[in-house]
Amino acid sequence: MITDREKAAFEAGIKLGAIYHQFVGTPIARETAASVEAAIEQAVSLQPYVTKIRVRLNRDLMVSNRFGYSELAGKMFDVEITTTVGETVCRARLRLEDDYPMMEVVEIS
């Protein structure tokens, strides 16, 4: 039997992984970053069990190519997501840690 705690953690992890793998490579510029952040938040918030999401992209890492844009890289993500299954709430995040985009469960209650 899978517990609500296990399911909440799984749902948070799978959604962070999907964000990472769906959006890496997206054309982006400092001027469009806010709309990309909002689009990711709106898309992910539609998914089951998501009760809160915040996406921030590190604009300092956005170095324009000769065509005036950058590509979204995993190192740019700073994401926090909350999933709720039954009475269990899981908060997880994706952020740069020691030059690597790490995903982790922050809290389960």
C-alpha atoms as a PDB file:
ATOM      1  CA  MET A   1       0.000   0.000   0.000  1.00  0.00           C
ATOM      2  CA  ILE A   2       1.384   3.387  -1.003  1.00  0.00           C
ATOM      3  CA  THR A   3       0.947   6.035   1.685  1.00  0.00           C
ATOM      4  CA  ASP A   4      -0.155   9.629   1.089  1.00  0.00           C
ATOM      5  CA  ARG A   5       3.313  10.679   2.254  1.00  0.00           C
ATOM      6  CA  GLU A   6       5.020   8.563  -0.407  1.00  0.00           C
ATOM      7  CA  LYS A   7       2.595   9.707  -3.091  1.00  0.00           C
ATOM      8  CA  ALA A   8       3.020  13.410  -2.202  1.00  0.00           C
ATOM      9  CA  ALA A   9       6.819  13.091  -2.404  1.00  0.00           C
ATOM     10  CA  PHE A  10       6.593  11.158  -5.679  1.00  0.00           C
ATOM     11  CA  GLU A  11       4.241  13.731  -7.208  1.00  0.00           C
ATOM     12  CA  ALA A  12       6.548  16.598  -6.241  1.00  0.00           C
ATOM     13  CA  GLY A  13       9.611  14.810  -7.624  1.00  0.00           C
ATOM     14  CA  ILE A  14       8.021  13.770 -10.888  1.00  0.00           C
ATOM     15  CA  LYS A  15       6.781  17.303 -11.514  1.00  0.00           C
ATOM     16  CA  LEU A  16      10.214  18.842 -10.844  1.00  0.00           C
ATOM     17  CA  GLY A  17      11.780  16.313 -13.223  1.00  0.00           C
ATOM     18  CA  ALA A  18       9.198  17.121 -15.868  1.00  0.00           C
ATOM     19  CA  ILE A  19       9.851  20.866 -15.517  1.00  0.00           C
ATOM     20  CA  TYR A  20      13.567  20.304 -15.934  1.00  0.00           C
ATOM     21  CA  HIS A  21      13.318  18.037 -18.955  1.00  0.00           C
ATOM     22  CA  GLN A  22      10.453  19.841 -20.697  1.00  0.00           C
ATOM     23  CA  PHE A  23      11.866  23.345 -20.584  1.00  0.00           C
ATOM     24  CA  VAL A  24      15.658  23.002 -20.854  1.00  0.00           C
ATOM     25  CA  GLY A  25      16.582  24.378 -24.267  1.00  0.00           C
ATOM     26  CA  THR A  26      13.675  26.806 -24.478  1.00  0.00           C
ATOM     27  CA  PRO A  27      14.731  30.048 -26.176  1.00  0.00           C
ATOM     28  CA  ILE A  28      14.801  32.773 -23.513  1.00  0.00           C
ATOM     29  CA  ALA A  29      16.007  36.312 -22.898  1.00  0.00           C
ATOM     30  CA  ARG A  30      15.985  38.531 -19.850  1.00  0.00           C
ATOM     31  CA  GLU A  31      13.040  40.383 -21.399  1.00  0.00           C
ATOM     32  CA  THR A  32      10.974  37.180 -21.741  1.00  0.00           C
ATOM     33  CA  ALA A  33      12.003  35.408 -18.519  1.00  0.00           C
ATOM     34  CA  ALA A  34       8.999  36.596 -16.496  1.00  0.00           C
ATOM     35  CA  SER A  35       6.538  35.289 -19.075  1.00  0.00           C
ATOM     36  CA  VAL A  36       8.346  31.927 -19.229  1.00  0.00           C
ATOM     37  CA  GLU A  37       8.279  31.702 -15.417  1.00  0.00           C
ATOM     38  CA  ALA A  38       4.539  32.425 -15.441  1.00  0.00           C
ATOM     39  CA  ALA A  39       3.885  29.928 -18.239  1.00  0.00           C
ATOM     40  CA  ILE A  40       5.688  27.146 -16.367  1.00  0.00           C
ATOM     41  CA  GLU A  41       3.820  27.971 -13.147  1.00  0.00           C
ATOM     42  CA  GLN A  42       0.453  28.019 -14.905  1.00  0.00           C
ATOM     43  CA  ALA A  43       1.082  24.785 -16.803  1.00  0.00           C
ATOM     44  CA  VAL A  44       2.335  22.825 -13.786  1.00  0.00           C
ATOM     45  CA  SER A  45      -0.391  24.163 -11.487  1.00  0.00           C
ATOM     46  CA  LEU A  46      -2.953  22.393 -13.689  1.00  0.00           C
ATOM     47  CA  GLN A  47      -1.536  18.984 -12.758  1.00  0.00           C
ATOM     48  CA  PRO A  48      -3.014  16.791 -10.031  1.00  0.00           C
ATOM     49  CA  TYR A  49      -1.937  17.396  -6.422  1.00  0.00           C
ATOM     50  CA  VAL A  50      -0.084  20.668  -7.106  1.00  0.00           C
ATOM     51  CA  THR A  51      -1.239  23.281  -4.603  1.00  0.00           C
ATOM     52  CA  LYS A  52       1.531  25.848  -5.044  1.00  0.00           C
ATOM     53  CA  ILE A  53       4.442  26.505  -7.383  1.00  0.00           C
ATOM     54  CA  ARG A  54       6.986  29.279  -7.731  1.00  0.00           C
ATOM     55  CA  VAL A  55       9.428  29.437 -10.642  1.00  0.00           C
ATOM     56  CA  ARG A  56      12.354  31.846 -10.845  1.00  0.00           C
ATOM     57  CA  LEU A  57      14.994  31.809 -13.570  1.00  0.00           C
ATOM     58  CA  ASN A  58      18.483  33.182 -12.959  1.00  0.00           C
ATOM     59  CA  ARG A  59      18.766  36.030 -15.434  1.00  0.00           C
ATOM     60  CA  ASP A  60      22.492  36.437 -14.722  1.00  0.00           C
ATOM     61  CA  LEU A  61      23.091  33.149 -16.552  1.00  0.00           C
ATOM     62  CA  MET A  62      21.199  34.302 -19.641  1.00  0.00           C
ATOM     63  CA  VAL A  63      23.948  35.216 -22.080  1.00  0.00           C
ATOM     64  CA  SER A  64      22.578  36.193 -25.472  1.00  0.00           C
ATOM     65  CA  ASN A  65      23.832  34.477 -28.599  1.00  0.00           C
ATOM     66  CA  ARG A  66      24.311  36.386 -31.849  1.00  0.00           C
ATOM     67  CA  PHE A  67      20.551  36.252 -32.437  1.00  0.00           C
ATOM     68  CA  GLY A  68      19.750  37.983 -29.142  1.00  0.00           C
ATOM     69  CA  TYR A  69      18.557  35.121 -26.971  1.00  0.00           C
ATOM     70  CA  SER A  70      19.853  32.395 -24.698  1.00  0.00           C
ATOM     71  CA  GLU A  71      18.688  28.827 -24.085  1.00  0.00           C
ATOM     72  CA  LEU A  72      17.131  27.885 -20.781  1.00  0.00           C
ATOM     73  CA  ALA A  73      19.598  25.712 -18.855  1.00  0.00           C
ATOM     74  CA  GLY A  74      19.009  23.542 -15.814  1.00  0.00           C
ATOM     75  CA  LYS A  75      21.345  25.749 -13.788  1.00  0.00           C
ATOM     76  CA  MET A  76      18.937  28.684 -14.252  1.00  0.00           C
ATOM     77  CA  PHE A  77      16.057  27.048 -12.362  1.00  0.00           C
ATOM     78  CA  ASP A  78      14.971  28.004  -8.871  1.00  0.00           C
ATOM     79  CA  VAL A  79      11.654  26.212  -8.374  1.00  0.00           C
ATOM     80  CA  GLU A  80       9.633  25.419  -5.287  1.00  0.00           C
ATOM     81  CA  ILE A  81       6.569  23.205  -5.517  1.00  0.00           C
ATOM     82  CA  THR A  82       4.006  22.047  -2.983  1.00  0.00           C
ATOM     83  CA  THR A  83       1.909  18.934  -3.498  1.00  0.00           C
ATOM     84  CA  THR A  84      -0.947  17.788  -1.295  1.00  0.00           C
ATOM     85  CA  VAL A  85      -2.253  14.235  -1.141  1.00  0.00           C
ATOM     86  CA  GLY A  86      -4.973  13.649   1.424  1.00  0.00           C
ATOM     87  CA  GLU A  87      -3.750  15.452   4.533  1.00  0.00           C
ATOM     88  CA  THR A  88      -0.064  15.205   3.556  1.00  0.00           C
ATOM     89  CA  VAL A  89       1.750  18.261   2.230  1.00  0.00           C
ATOM     90  CA  CYS A  90       5.141  17.954   0.503  1.00  0.00           C
ATOM     91  CA  ARG A  91       7.365  20.901  -0.319  1.00  0.00           C
ATOM     92  CA  ALA A  92      10.204  20.244  -2.755  1.00  0.00           C
ATOM     93  CA  ARG A  93      12.583  22.331  -4.801  1.00  0.00           C
ATOM     94  CA  LEU A  94      14.928  22.446  -7.749  1.00  0.00           C
ATOM     95  CA  ARG A  95      17.848  24.843  -7.471  1.00  0.00           C
ATOM     96  CA  LEU A  96      21.519  25.209  -8.193  1.00  0.00           C
ATOM     97  CA  GLU A  97      23.692  23.582  -5.542  1.00  0.00           C
ATOM     98  CA  ASP A  98      27.461  23.280  -5.963  1.00  0.00           C
ATOM     99  CA  ASP A  99      27.098  24.130  -9.669  1.00  0.00           C
ATOM    100  CA  TYR A 100      24.523  21.354 -10.222  1.00  0.00           C
ATOM    101  CA  PRO A 101      20.709  21.622 -10.491  1.00  0.00           C
ATOM    102  CA  MET A 102      19.566  19.566  -7.488  1.00  0.00           C
ATOM    103  CA  MET A 103      16.056  18.385  -6.690  1.00  0.00           C
ATOM    104  CA  GLU A 104      15.162  17.676  -3.090  1.00  0.00           C
ATOM    105  CA  VAL A 105      12.274  17.180  -0.726  1.00  0.00           C
ATOM    106  CA  VAL A 106      12.403  20.081   1.729  1.00  0.00           C
ATOM    107  CA  GLU A 107       9.556  19.173   4.072  1.00  0.00           C
ATOM    108  CA  ILE A 108       6.700  16.698   4.449  1.00  0.00           C
ATOM    109  CA  SER A 109       3.962  17.256   6.999  1.00  0.00           C
END
